[in-house]
Amino acid sequence: MSGIDFLREIMAERPMPVVMLSSLTQSGNEVSLKAYELGAVE
């Protein structure tokens, strides 16, 4: 399960503030934007 998949699942079941970290993506990247869209706060 990817981090995005996990974020989608956790926000559907029990929304909470989430900070996503990745050494593989940069700010403004499609994956970063998807995380914000799903509810990540940082």
PDB file of N, CA and C in Angstrom:
ATOM      1  N   MET A   1       0.856  -1.170   0.000  1.00  0.00           N
ATOM      2  CA  MET A   1       0.000   0.000   0.000  1.00  0.00           C
ATOM      3  C   MET A   1       0.903   1.233   0.000  1.00  0.00           C
ATOM      4  N   SER A   2       0.599   2.156  -0.889  1.00  0.00           N
ATOM      5  CA  SER A   2       1.384   3.392  -0.945  1.00  0.00           C
ATOM      6  C   SER A   2       0.935   4.359   0.149  1.00  0.00           C
ATOM      7  N   GLY A   3       1.708   5.386   0.359  1.00  0.00           N
ATOM      8  CA  GLY A   3       1.339   6.416   1.328  1.00  0.00           C
ATOM      9  C   GLY A   3       0.054   7.122   0.949  1.00  0.00           C
ATOM     10  N   ILE A   4      -0.133   7.349  -0.360  1.00  0.00           N
ATOM     11  CA  ILE A   4      -1.357   7.988  -0.832  1.00  0.00           C
ATOM     12  C   ILE A   4      -2.559   7.083  -0.586  1.00  0.00           C
ATOM     13  N   ASP A   5      -2.405   5.798  -0.841  1.00  0.00           N
ATOM     14  CA  ASP A   5      -3.499   4.846  -0.572  1.00  0.00           C
ATOM     15  C   ASP A   5      -3.840   4.833   0.916  1.00  0.00           C
ATOM     16  N   PHE A   6      -2.809   4.828   1.755  1.00  0.00           N
ATOM     17  CA  PHE A   6      -3.038   4.827   3.201  1.00  0.00           C
ATOM     18  C   PHE A   6      -3.720   6.118   3.642  1.00  0.00           C
ATOM     19  N   LEU A   7      -3.271   7.248   3.104  1.00  0.00           N
ATOM     20  CA  LEU A   7      -3.883   8.533   3.448  1.00  0.00           C
ATOM     21  C   LEU A   7      -5.361   8.532   3.072  1.00  0.00           C
ATOM     22  N   ARG A   8      -5.679   8.047   1.886  1.00  0.00           N
ATOM     23  CA  ARG A   8      -7.073   7.975   1.435  1.00  0.00           C
ATOM     24  C   ARG A   8      -7.898   7.129   2.410  1.00  0.00           C
ATOM     25  N   GLU A   9      -7.356   5.995   2.828  1.00  0.00           N
ATOM     26  CA  GLU A   9      -8.065   5.087   3.730  1.00  0.00           C
ATOM     27  C   GLU A   9      -8.255   5.698   5.117  1.00  0.00           C
ATOM     28  N   ILE A  10      -7.198   6.261   5.680  1.00  0.00           N
ATOM     29  CA  ILE A  10      -7.288   6.809   7.038  1.00  0.00           C
ATOM     30  C   ILE A  10      -8.220   8.013   7.091  1.00  0.00           C
ATOM     31  N   MET A  11      -8.207   8.839   6.043  1.00  0.00           N
ATOM     32  CA  MET A  11      -9.080  10.015   6.038  1.00  0.00           C
ATOM     33  C   MET A  11     -10.548   9.614   5.878  1.00  0.00           C
ATOM     34  N   ALA A  12     -10.809   8.510   5.206  1.00  0.00           N
ATOM     35  CA  ALA A  12     -12.187   8.033   5.060  1.00  0.00           C
ATOM     36  C   ALA A  12     -12.697   7.427   6.361  1.00  0.00           C
ATOM     37  N   GLU A  13     -11.815   6.750   7.094  1.00  0.00           N
ATOM     38  CA  GLU A  13     -12.232   6.052   8.313  1.00  0.00           C
ATOM     39  C   GLU A  13     -12.139   6.918   9.565  1.00  0.00           C
ATOM     40  N   ARG A  14     -11.069   7.705   9.663  1.00  0.00           N
ATOM     41  CA  ARG A  14     -10.845   8.495  10.873  1.00  0.00           C
ATOM     42  C   ARG A  14      -9.998   9.720  10.531  1.00  0.00           C
ATOM     43  N   PRO A  15     -10.629  10.776   9.996  1.00  0.00           N
ATOM     44  CA  PRO A  15      -9.877  11.967   9.589  1.00  0.00           C
ATOM     45  C   PRO A  15      -9.082  12.558  10.749  1.00  0.00           C
ATOM     46  N   MET A  16      -7.862  12.958  10.438  1.00  0.00           N
ATOM     47  CA  MET A  16      -6.985  13.569  11.429  1.00  0.00           C
ATOM     48  C   MET A  16      -5.909  14.356  10.690  1.00  0.00           C
ATOM     49  N   PRO A  17      -5.234  15.287  11.350  1.00  0.00           N
ATOM     50  CA  PRO A  17      -4.141  15.996  10.693  1.00  0.00           C
ATOM     51  C   PRO A  17      -3.016  15.022  10.345  1.00  0.00           C
ATOM     52  N   VAL A  18      -2.533  15.075   9.118  1.00  0.00           N
ATOM     53  CA  VAL A  18      -1.490  14.170   8.640  1.00  0.00           C
ATOM     54  C   VAL A  18      -0.402  14.980   7.959  1.00  0.00           C
ATOM     55  N   VAL A  19       0.837  14.685   8.299  1.00  0.00           N
ATOM     56  CA  VAL A  19       1.992  15.272   7.628  1.00  0.00           C
ATOM     57  C   VAL A  19       2.637  14.165   6.804  1.00  0.00           C
ATOM     58  N   MET A  20       2.770  14.395   5.511  1.00  0.00           N
ATOM     59  CA  MET A  20       3.367  13.404   4.605  1.00  0.00           C
ATOM     60  C   MET A  20       4.835  13.763   4.388  1.00  0.00           C
ATOM     61  N   LEU A  21       5.705  12.764   4.468  1.00  0.00           N
ATOM     62  CA  LEU A  21       7.134  12.939   4.222  1.00  0.00           C
ATOM     63  C   LEU A  21       7.566  12.003   3.106  1.00  0.00           C
ATOM     64  N   SER A  22       8.429  12.492   2.227  1.00  0.00           N
ATOM     65  CA  SER A  22       8.952  11.654   1.171  1.00  0.00           C
ATOM     66  C   SER A  22      10.291  12.211   0.700  1.00  0.00           C
ATOM     67  N   SER A  23      11.232  11.333   0.493  1.00  0.00           N
ATOM     68  CA  SER A  23      12.511  11.744  -0.072  1.00  0.00           C
ATOM     69  C   SER A  23      12.487  11.616  -1.590  1.00  0.00           C
ATOM     70  N   LEU A  24      11.390  11.099  -2.129  1.00  0.00           N
ATOM     71  CA  LEU A  24      11.295  10.828  -3.563  1.00  0.00           C
ATOM     72  C   LEU A  24      10.504  11.879  -4.336  1.00  0.00           C
ATOM     73  N   THR A  25       9.728  12.715  -3.659  1.00  0.00           N
ATOM     74  CA  THR A  25       8.918  13.714  -4.360  1.00  0.00           C
ATOM     75  C   THR A  25       9.330  15.117  -3.946  1.00  0.00           C
ATOM     76  N   GLN A  26       9.023  16.068  -4.802  1.00  0.00           N
ATOM     77  CA  GLN A  26       9.313  17.472  -4.530  1.00  0.00           C
ATOM     78  C   GLN A  26       8.006  18.218  -4.358  1.00  0.00           C
ATOM     79  N   SER A  27       8.075  19.365  -3.680  1.00  0.00           N
ATOM     80  CA  SER A  27       6.896  20.200  -3.495  1.00  0.00           C
ATOM     81  C   SER A  27       6.318  20.575  -4.858  1.00  0.00           C
ATOM     82  N   GLY A  28       5.012  20.491  -4.997  1.00  0.00           N
ATOM     83  CA  GLY A  28       4.360  20.812  -6.250  1.00  0.00           C
ATOM     84  C   GLY A  28       4.237  19.624  -7.190  1.00  0.00           C
ATOM     85  N   ASN A  29       4.848  18.514  -6.819  1.00  0.00           N
ATOM     86  CA  ASN A  29       4.767  17.281  -7.602  1.00  0.00           C
ATOM     87  C   ASN A  29       3.337  16.763  -7.575  1.00  0.00           C
ATOM     88  N   GLU A  30       2.945  15.993  -8.574  1.00  0.00           N
ATOM     89  CA  GLU A  30       1.594  15.441  -8.655  1.00  0.00           C
ATOM     90  C   GLU A  30       1.220  14.653  -7.399  1.00  0.00           C
ATOM     91  N   VAL A  31       2.147  13.870  -6.868  1.00  0.00           N
ATOM     92  CA  VAL A  31       1.870  13.071  -5.666  1.00  0.00           C
ATOM     93  C   VAL A  31       1.665  13.996  -4.460  1.00  0.00           C
ATOM     94  N   SER A  32       2.481  15.041  -4.353  1.00  0.00           N
ATOM     95  CA  SER A  32       2.323  15.998  -3.256  1.00  0.00           C
ATOM     96  C   SER A  32       0.963  16.685  -3.330  1.00  0.00           C
ATOM     97  N   LEU A  33       0.580  17.100  -4.516  1.00  0.00           N
ATOM     98  CA  LEU A  33      -0.706  17.768  -4.691  1.00  0.00           C
ATOM     99  C   LEU A  33      -1.868  16.825  -4.364  1.00  0.00           C
ATOM    100  N   LYS A  34      -1.739  15.558  -4.707  1.00  0.00           N
ATOM    101  CA  LYS A  34      -2.774  14.571  -4.385  1.00  0.00           C
ATOM    102  C   LYS A  34      -2.902  14.411  -2.871  1.00  0.00           C
ATOM    103  N   ALA A  35      -1.776  14.402  -2.160  1.00  0.00           N
ATOM    104  CA  ALA A  35      -1.805  14.300  -0.699  1.00  0.00           C
ATOM    105  C   ALA A  35      -2.552  15.468  -0.091  1.00  0.00           C
ATOM    106  N   TYR A  36      -2.292  16.682  -0.579  1.00  0.00           N
ATOM    107  CA  TYR A  36      -3.032  17.868  -0.095  1.00  0.00           C
ATOM    108  C   TYR A  36      -4.508  17.730  -0.399  1.00  0.00           C
ATOM    109  N   GLU A  37      -4.832  17.258  -1.592  1.00  0.00           N
ATOM    110  CA  GLU A  37      -6.220  17.088  -2.000  1.00  0.00           C
ATOM    111  C   GLU A  37      -6.953  16.112  -1.080  1.00  0.00           C
ATOM    112  N   LEU A  38      -6.234  15.080  -0.614  1.00  0.00           N
ATOM    113  CA  LEU A  38      -6.843  14.068   0.253  1.00  0.00           C
ATOM    114  C   LEU A  38      -6.895  14.503   1.717  1.00  0.00           C
ATOM    115  N   GLY A  39      -6.251  15.634   2.057  1.00  0.00           N
ATOM    116  CA  GLY A  39      -6.373  16.145   3.408  1.00  0.00           C
ATOM    117  C   GLY A  39      -5.086  16.302   4.191  1.00  0.00           C
ATOM    118  N   ALA A  40      -3.950  15.978   3.603  1.00  0.00           N
ATOM    119  CA  ALA A  40      -2.684  16.186   4.320  1.00  0.00           C
ATOM    120  C   ALA A  40      -2.513  17.670   4.608  1.00  0.00           C
ATOM    121  N   VAL A  41      -1.947  17.992   5.754  1.00  0.00           N
ATOM    122  CA  VAL A  41      -1.778  19.388   6.140  1.00  0.00           C
ATOM    123  C   VAL A  41      -0.399  19.930   5.820  1.00  0.00           C
ATOM    124  N   GLU A  42       0.549  19.090   5.585  1.00  0.00           N
ATOM    125  CA  GLU A  42       1.931  19.500   5.266  1.00  0.00           C
ATOM    126  C   GLU A  42       2.585  18.453   4.443  1.00  0.00           C
TER     127      GLU A  42
END
